[in-house]
Amino acid sequence: MEQLIINIIRLLAPYLREMAKKTDSPIDDMIVNIICSLVEQKK
Protein backbone atom coordinates (compact mmCIF):
# COMPACT_ATOMS: atom_id res chain seq x y z
CA MET A 1 0.00 0.00 0.00
CA GLU A 2 2.79 2.41 0.91
CA GLN A 3 4.59 1.58 -2.35
CA LEU A 4 1.43 2.37 -4.31
CA ILE A 5 1.16 5.81 -2.69
CA ILE A 6 4.85 6.49 -3.36
CA ASN A 7 4.42 5.53 -7.02
CA ILE A 8 1.36 7.78 -7.38
CA ILE A 9 3.19 10.75 -5.83
CA ARG A 10 6.17 10.05 -8.09
CA LEU A 11 3.89 10.17 -11.13
CA LEU A 12 2.21 13.36 -9.93
CA ALA A 13 5.40 15.12 -8.79
CA PRO A 14 6.01 17.09 -12.02
CA TYR A 15 2.34 18.09 -12.17
CA LEU A 16 2.33 19.10 -8.50
CA ARG A 17 5.45 21.21 -9.04
CA GLU A 18 3.78 23.03 -11.94
CA MET A 19 0.65 23.67 -9.85
CA ALA A 20 2.74 25.00 -6.96
CA LYS A 21 4.51 27.43 -9.31
CA LYS A 22 1.18 28.71 -10.62
CA THR A 23 -0.26 29.44 -7.17
CA ASP A 24 2.59 31.84 -6.30
CA SER A 25 2.45 30.57 -2.72
CA PRO A 26 5.89 29.86 -1.25
CA ILE A 27 4.28 27.56 1.34
CA ASP A 28 2.64 25.39 -1.34
CA ASP A 29 5.93 25.30 -3.24
CA MET A 30 7.82 24.28 -0.11
CA ILE A 31 5.35 21.50 0.78
CA VAL A 32 5.45 20.09 -2.76
CA ASN A 33 9.25 20.16 -2.79
CA ILE A 34 9.43 18.39 0.58
CA ILE A 35 6.98 15.67 -0.51
CA CYS A 36 8.75 15.19 -3.83
CA SER A 37 12.18 15.00 -2.24
CA LEU A 38 10.96 12.48 0.36
CA VAL A 39 9.52 10.29 -2.38
CA GLU A 40 12.66 10.57 -4.50
CA GLN A 41 14.81 9.54 -1.51
CA LYS A 42 12.74 6.36 -1.05
CA LYS A 43 13.75 5.01 -4.48
PDB file of N, CA and C in Angstrom:
ATOM      1  N   MET A   1       0.837  -1.209   0.000  1.00  0.00           N
ATOM      2  CA  MET A   1       0.000   0.000   0.000  1.00  0.00           C
ATOM      3  C   MET A   1       0.872   1.259   0.000  1.00  0.00           C
ATOM      4  N   GLU A   2       1.883   1.262   0.856  1.00  0.00           N
ATOM      5  CA  GLU A   2       2.788   2.413   0.915  1.00  0.00           C
ATOM      6  C   GLU A   2       3.493   2.612  -0.429  1.00  0.00           C
ATOM      7  N   GLN A   3       3.913   1.511  -1.048  1.00  0.00           N
ATOM      8  CA  GLN A   3       4.592   1.584  -2.347  1.00  0.00           C
ATOM      9  C   GLN A   3       3.673   2.179  -3.405  1.00  0.00           C
ATOM     10  N   LEU A   4       2.406   1.830  -3.361  1.00  0.00           N
ATOM     11  CA  LEU A   4       1.432   2.373  -4.313  1.00  0.00           C
ATOM     12  C   LEU A   4       1.338   3.892  -4.170  1.00  0.00           C
ATOM     13  N   ILE A   5       1.243   4.363  -2.947  1.00  0.00           N
ATOM     14  CA  ILE A   5       1.158   5.808  -2.687  1.00  0.00           C
ATOM     15  C   ILE A   5       2.420   6.510  -3.180  1.00  0.00           C
ATOM     16  N   ILE A   6       3.580   5.915  -2.903  1.00  0.00           N
ATOM     17  CA  ILE A   6       4.849   6.491  -3.356  1.00  0.00           C
ATOM     18  C   ILE A   6       4.877   6.583  -4.875  1.00  0.00           C
ATOM     19  N   ASN A   7       4.432   5.529  -5.552  1.00  0.00           N
ATOM     20  CA  ASN A   7       4.417   5.534  -7.021  1.00  0.00           C
ATOM     21  C   ASN A   7       3.475   6.595  -7.566  1.00  0.00           C
ATOM     22  N   ILE A   8       2.325   6.764  -6.941  1.00  0.00           N
ATOM     23  CA  ILE A   8       1.361   7.783  -7.384  1.00  0.00           C
ATOM     24  C   ILE A   8       1.966   9.176  -7.207  1.00  0.00           C
ATOM     25  N   ILE A   9       2.573   9.439  -6.058  1.00  0.00           N
ATOM     26  CA  ILE A   9       3.191  10.752  -5.827  1.00  0.00           C
ATOM     27  C   ILE A   9       4.308  10.988  -6.833  1.00  0.00           C
ATOM     28  N   ARG A  10       5.082   9.937  -7.117  1.00  0.00           N
ATOM     29  CA  ARG A  10       6.170  10.049  -8.086  1.00  0.00           C
ATOM     30  C   ARG A  10       5.633  10.442  -9.457  1.00  0.00           C
ATOM     31  N   LEU A  11       4.515   9.843  -9.840  1.00  0.00           N
ATOM     32  CA  LEU A  11       3.893  10.170 -11.129  1.00  0.00           C
ATOM     33  C   LEU A  11       3.362  11.598 -11.137  1.00  0.00           C
ATOM     34  N   LEU A  12       2.814  12.029 -10.010  1.00  0.00           N
ATOM     35  CA  LEU A  12       2.207  13.359  -9.925  1.00  0.00           C
ATOM     36  C   LEU A  12       3.209  14.471  -9.627  1.00  0.00           C
ATOM     37  N   ALA A  13       4.415  14.114  -9.212  1.00  0.00           N
ATOM     38  CA  ALA A  13       5.403  15.118  -8.793  1.00  0.00           C
ATOM     39  C   ALA A  13       5.598  16.257  -9.792  1.00  0.00           C
ATOM     40  N   PRO A  14       5.821  15.970 -11.081  1.00  0.00           N
ATOM     41  CA  PRO A  14       6.013  17.088 -12.024  1.00  0.00           C
ATOM     42  C   PRO A  14       4.775  17.976 -12.119  1.00  0.00           C
ATOM     43  N   TYR A  15       3.596  17.353 -12.104  1.00  0.00           N
ATOM     44  CA  TYR A  15       2.336  18.090 -12.173  1.00  0.00           C
ATOM     45  C   TYR A  15       2.148  18.945 -10.918  1.00  0.00           C
ATOM     46  N   LEU A  16       2.445  18.372  -9.763  1.00  0.00           N
ATOM     47  CA  LEU A  16       2.327  19.105  -8.499  1.00  0.00           C
ATOM     48  C   LEU A  16       3.275  20.296  -8.471  1.00  0.00           C
ATOM     49  N   ARG A  17       4.477  20.107  -9.002  1.00  0.00           N
ATOM     50  CA  ARG A  17       5.450  21.206  -9.041  1.00  0.00           C
ATOM     51  C   ARG A  17       4.936  22.340  -9.909  1.00  0.00           C
ATOM     52  N   GLU A  18       4.339  22.002 -11.046  1.00  0.00           N
ATOM     53  CA  GLU A  18       3.778  23.030 -11.938  1.00  0.00           C
ATOM     54  C   GLU A  18       2.644  23.788 -11.242  1.00  0.00           C
ATOM     55  N   MET A  19       1.772  23.051 -10.557  1.00  0.00           N
ATOM     56  CA  MET A  19       0.649  23.666  -9.852  1.00  0.00           C
ATOM     57  C   MET A  19       1.166  24.607  -8.761  1.00  0.00           C
ATOM     58  N   ALA A  20       2.177  24.179  -8.034  1.00  0.00           N
ATOM     59  CA  ALA A  20       2.743  24.997  -6.959  1.00  0.00           C
ATOM     60  C   ALA A  20       3.328  26.294  -7.511  1.00  0.00           C
ATOM     61  N   LYS A  21       3.949  26.219  -8.682  1.00  0.00           N
ATOM     62  CA  LYS A  21       4.514  27.427  -9.307  1.00  0.00           C
ATOM     63  C   LYS A  21       3.404  28.397  -9.691  1.00  0.00           C
ATOM     64  N   LYS A  22       2.281  27.868 -10.159  1.00  0.00           N
ATOM     65  CA  LYS A  22       1.177  28.714 -10.622  1.00  0.00           C
ATOM     66  C   LYS A  22       0.461  29.426  -9.473  1.00  0.00           C
ATOM     67  N   THR A  23       0.460  28.833  -8.290  1.00  0.00           N
ATOM     68  CA  THR A  23      -0.260  29.438  -7.166  1.00  0.00           C
ATOM     69  C   THR A  23       0.479  30.629  -6.566  1.00  0.00           C
ATOM     70  N   ASP A  24       1.778  30.750  -6.854  1.00  0.00           N
ATOM     71  CA  ASP A  24       2.594  31.843  -6.295  1.00  0.00           C
ATOM     72  C   ASP A  24       2.588  31.838  -4.767  1.00  0.00           C
ATOM     73  N   SER A  25       2.399  30.678  -4.177  1.00  0.00           N
ATOM     74  CA  SER A  25       2.446  30.573  -2.722  1.00  0.00           C
ATOM     75  C   SER A  25       3.732  29.845  -2.326  1.00  0.00           C
ATOM     76  N   PRO A  26       4.638  30.519  -1.629  1.00  0.00           N
ATOM     77  CA  PRO A  26       5.892  29.860  -1.247  1.00  0.00           C
ATOM     78  C   PRO A  26       5.660  28.654  -0.340  1.00  0.00           C
ATOM     79  N   ILE A  27       4.587  28.681   0.438  1.00  0.00           N
ATOM     80  CA  ILE A  27       4.281  27.564   1.339  1.00  0.00           C
ATOM     81  C   ILE A  27       3.901  26.328   0.523  1.00  0.00           C
ATOM     82  N   ASP A  28       3.021  26.504  -0.467  1.00  0.00           N
ATOM     83  CA  ASP A  28       2.641  25.388  -1.343  1.00  0.00           C
ATOM     84  C   ASP A  28       3.873  24.814  -2.025  1.00  0.00           C
ATOM     85  N   ASP A  29       4.713  25.699  -2.548  1.00  0.00           N
ATOM     86  CA  ASP A  29       5.929  25.298  -3.243  1.00  0.00           C
ATOM     87  C   ASP A  29       6.832  24.478  -2.320  1.00  0.00           C
ATOM     88  N   MET A  30       6.967  24.949  -1.080  1.00  0.00           N
ATOM     89  CA  MET A  30       7.816  24.277  -0.108  1.00  0.00           C
ATOM     90  C   MET A  30       7.279  22.882   0.220  1.00  0.00           C
ATOM     91  N   ILE A  31       5.974  22.778   0.456  1.00  0.00           N
ATOM     92  CA  ILE A  31       5.348  21.497   0.780  1.00  0.00           C
ATOM     93  C   ILE A  31       5.543  20.506  -0.362  1.00  0.00           C
ATOM     94  N   VAL A  32       5.284  20.959  -1.585  1.00  0.00           N
ATOM     95  CA  VAL A  32       5.449  20.091  -2.755  1.00  0.00           C
ATOM     96  C   VAL A  32       6.895  19.623  -2.862  1.00  0.00           C
ATOM     97  N   ASN A  33       7.841  20.530  -2.696  1.00  0.00           N
ATOM     98  CA  ASN A  33       9.253  20.160  -2.789  1.00  0.00           C
ATOM     99  C   ASN A  33       9.651  19.162  -1.712  1.00  0.00           C
ATOM    100  N   ILE A  34       9.132  19.323  -0.506  1.00  0.00           N
ATOM    101  CA  ILE A  34       9.428  18.390   0.585  1.00  0.00           C
ATOM    102  C   ILE A  34       8.871  17.005   0.257  1.00  0.00           C
ATOM    103  N   ILE A  35       7.608  16.950  -0.170  1.00  0.00           N
ATOM    104  CA  ILE A  35       6.978  15.674  -0.513  1.00  0.00           C
ATOM    105  C   ILE A  35       7.743  14.991  -1.641  1.00  0.00           C
ATOM    106  N   CYS A  36       8.049  15.752  -2.681  1.00  0.00           N
ATOM    107  CA  CYS A  36       8.754  15.191  -3.834  1.00  0.00           C
ATOM    108  C   CYS A  36      10.137  14.679  -3.442  1.00  0.00           C
ATOM    109  N   SER A  37      10.844  15.429  -2.622  1.00  0.00           N
ATOM    110  CA  SER A  37      12.184  14.997  -2.239  1.00  0.00           C
ATOM    111  C   SER A  37      12.126  13.765  -1.338  1.00  0.00           C
ATOM    112  N   LEU A  38      11.123  13.670  -0.477  1.00  0.00           N
ATOM    113  CA  LEU A  38      10.962  12.477   0.358  1.00  0.00           C
ATOM    114  C   LEU A  38      10.712  11.250  -0.501  1.00  0.00           C
ATOM    115  N   VAL A  39       9.850  11.410  -1.496  1.00  0.00           N
ATOM    116  CA  VAL A  39       9.520  10.295  -2.384  1.00  0.00           C
ATOM    117  C   VAL A  39      10.741   9.887  -3.205  1.00  0.00           C
ATOM    118  N   GLU A  40      11.482  10.872  -3.694  1.00  0.00           N
ATOM    119  CA  GLU A  40      12.662  10.567  -4.501  1.00  0.00           C
ATOM    120  C   GLU A  40      13.739   9.874  -3.672  1.00  0.00           C
ATOM    121  N   GLN A  41      13.832  10.189  -2.385  1.00  0.00           N
ATOM    122  CA  GLN A  41      14.812   9.536  -1.512  1.00  0.00           C
ATOM    123  C   GLN A  41      14.467   8.070  -1.270  1.00  0.00           C
ATOM    124  N   LYS A  42      13.183   7.731  -1.335  1.00  0.00           N
ATOM    125  CA  LYS A  42      12.743   6.358  -1.051  1.00  0.00           C
ATOM    126  C   LYS A  42      13.065   5.372  -2.170  1.00  0.00           C
ATOM    127  N   LYS A  43      13.458   5.882  -3.333  1.00  0.00           N
ATOM    128  CA  LYS A  43      13.749   5.007  -4.483  1.00  0.00           C
ATOM    129  C   LYS A  43      14.758   3.935  -4.126  1.00  0.00           C
TER     130      LYS A  43
END
